[in-house]
Amino acid sequence: MNDHDPSVRWTGIPIAVISAALVSVALTAFGLELARISGLLALGLNTVVVAGAAPTVMRWLVIPVWRWAVYGAGVGAVLSFVALAALAF
């Protein structure tokens, strides 16, 4: 199956949605517990976690199925930061 096959998109979208949900819930739960100590600490440590995982996750973009999980993880991280900023402050 090549990268231009339309069926890959319909297989990949559920993978992206699931990975976005998992990443956003995990990062938000981690951040909210840290926010009990300090909101800035929560945002700072979540930034360190995402920045630390980014190089490894970005290497997975060349693998067709994992590419969708990377897209979902990116969306989940952004959603987590938005939720954390709204809930922690």
Protein backbone atom coordinates (compact mmCIF):
# COMPACT_ATOMS: atom_id res chain seq x y z
CA MET A 1 0.00 0.00 0.00
CA ASN A 2 1.53 3.31 -1.00
CA ASP A 3 1.24 6.67 0.71
CA HIS A 4 -1.29 7.98 -1.81
CA ASP A 5 -3.86 5.25 -1.23
CA PRO A 6 -7.09 6.88 0.07
CA SER A 7 -7.85 3.88 2.30
CA VAL A 8 -4.80 4.76 4.42
CA ARG A 9 -6.48 7.98 5.46
CA TRP A 10 -9.55 6.17 6.80
CA THR A 11 -7.34 3.75 8.66
CA GLY A 12 -5.16 6.52 10.04
CA ILE A 13 -7.82 8.91 11.31
CA PRO A 14 -8.97 6.60 14.16
CA ILE A 15 -5.32 6.04 15.10
CA ALA A 16 -4.77 9.80 15.23
CA VAL A 17 -7.91 10.37 17.31
CA ILE A 18 -7.00 7.65 19.80
CA SER A 19 -3.43 8.86 20.17
CA ALA A 20 -4.62 12.47 20.57
CA ALA A 21 -7.01 11.40 23.32
CA LEU A 22 -4.39 9.36 25.15
CA VAL A 23 -1.70 12.05 24.98
CA SER A 24 -4.03 14.89 25.95
CA VAL A 25 -5.49 13.01 28.92
CA ALA A 26 -2.07 11.87 30.15
CA LEU A 27 -0.42 15.29 29.85
CA THR A 28 -3.40 17.12 31.33
CA ALA A 29 -3.64 14.75 34.31
CA PHE A 30 0.11 15.06 34.90
CA GLY A 31 -0.06 18.83 34.58
CA LEU A 32 -3.07 19.27 36.84
CA GLU A 33 -1.38 17.37 39.64
CA LEU A 34 1.67 19.60 39.24
CA ALA A 35 -0.59 22.66 39.11
CA ARG A 36 -1.58 21.94 42.72
CA ILE A 37 1.98 22.99 43.55
CA SER A 38 2.43 25.73 40.95
CA GLY A 39 0.82 26.54 37.61
CA LEU A 40 4.09 27.69 36.12
CA LEU A 41 5.78 24.50 37.30
CA ALA A 42 3.09 22.47 35.54
CA LEU A 43 3.49 24.32 32.24
CA GLY A 44 7.27 24.24 32.49
CA LEU A 45 7.53 20.52 33.20
CA ASN A 46 4.97 19.66 30.52
CA THR A 47 7.07 21.67 28.07
CA VAL A 48 10.16 19.70 29.11
CA VAL A 49 8.31 16.39 28.71
CA VAL A 50 7.01 17.27 25.24
CA ALA A 51 10.36 18.70 24.12
CA GLY A 52 12.15 15.59 25.38
CA ALA A 53 9.83 13.21 23.56
CA ALA A 54 9.68 15.24 20.34
CA PRO A 55 12.94 14.06 18.71
CA THR A 56 12.01 10.40 19.10
CA VAL A 57 8.43 10.92 18.00
CA MET A 58 9.49 12.96 14.95
CA ARG A 59 11.59 10.02 13.72
CA TRP A 60 8.38 8.00 13.46
CA LEU A 61 6.99 10.29 10.75
CA VAL A 62 8.64 8.21 8.02
CA ILE A 63 6.68 5.07 8.99
CA PRO A 64 3.26 5.24 7.26
CA VAL A 65 1.05 3.93 10.09
CA TRP A 66 2.99 5.58 12.91
CA ARG A 67 2.76 8.90 11.08
CA TRP A 68 -0.90 9.09 12.10
CA ALA A 69 -0.05 8.44 15.74
CA VAL A 70 2.50 11.27 15.58
CA TYR A 71 -0.12 13.65 14.16
CA GLY A 72 -2.51 12.67 16.93
CA ALA A 73 0.15 13.06 19.61
CA GLY A 74 0.92 16.55 18.35
CA VAL A 75 -2.73 17.56 18.47
CA GLY A 76 -3.10 15.95 21.89
CA ALA A 77 -0.11 17.89 23.24
CA VAL A 78 -1.52 21.18 21.98
CA LEU A 79 -4.97 20.40 23.44
CA SER A 80 -3.32 19.50 26.73
CA PHE A 81 -1.47 22.80 26.94
CA VAL A 82 -4.68 24.72 26.19
CA ALA A 83 -6.63 22.74 28.81
CA LEU A 84 -3.84 23.07 31.34
CA ALA A 85 -3.56 26.83 30.82
CA ALA A 86 -7.33 27.18 31.22
CA LEU A 87 -7.62 24.94 34.29
CA ALA A 88 -4.40 25.73 36.14
CA PHE A 89 -4.72 29.52 36.21
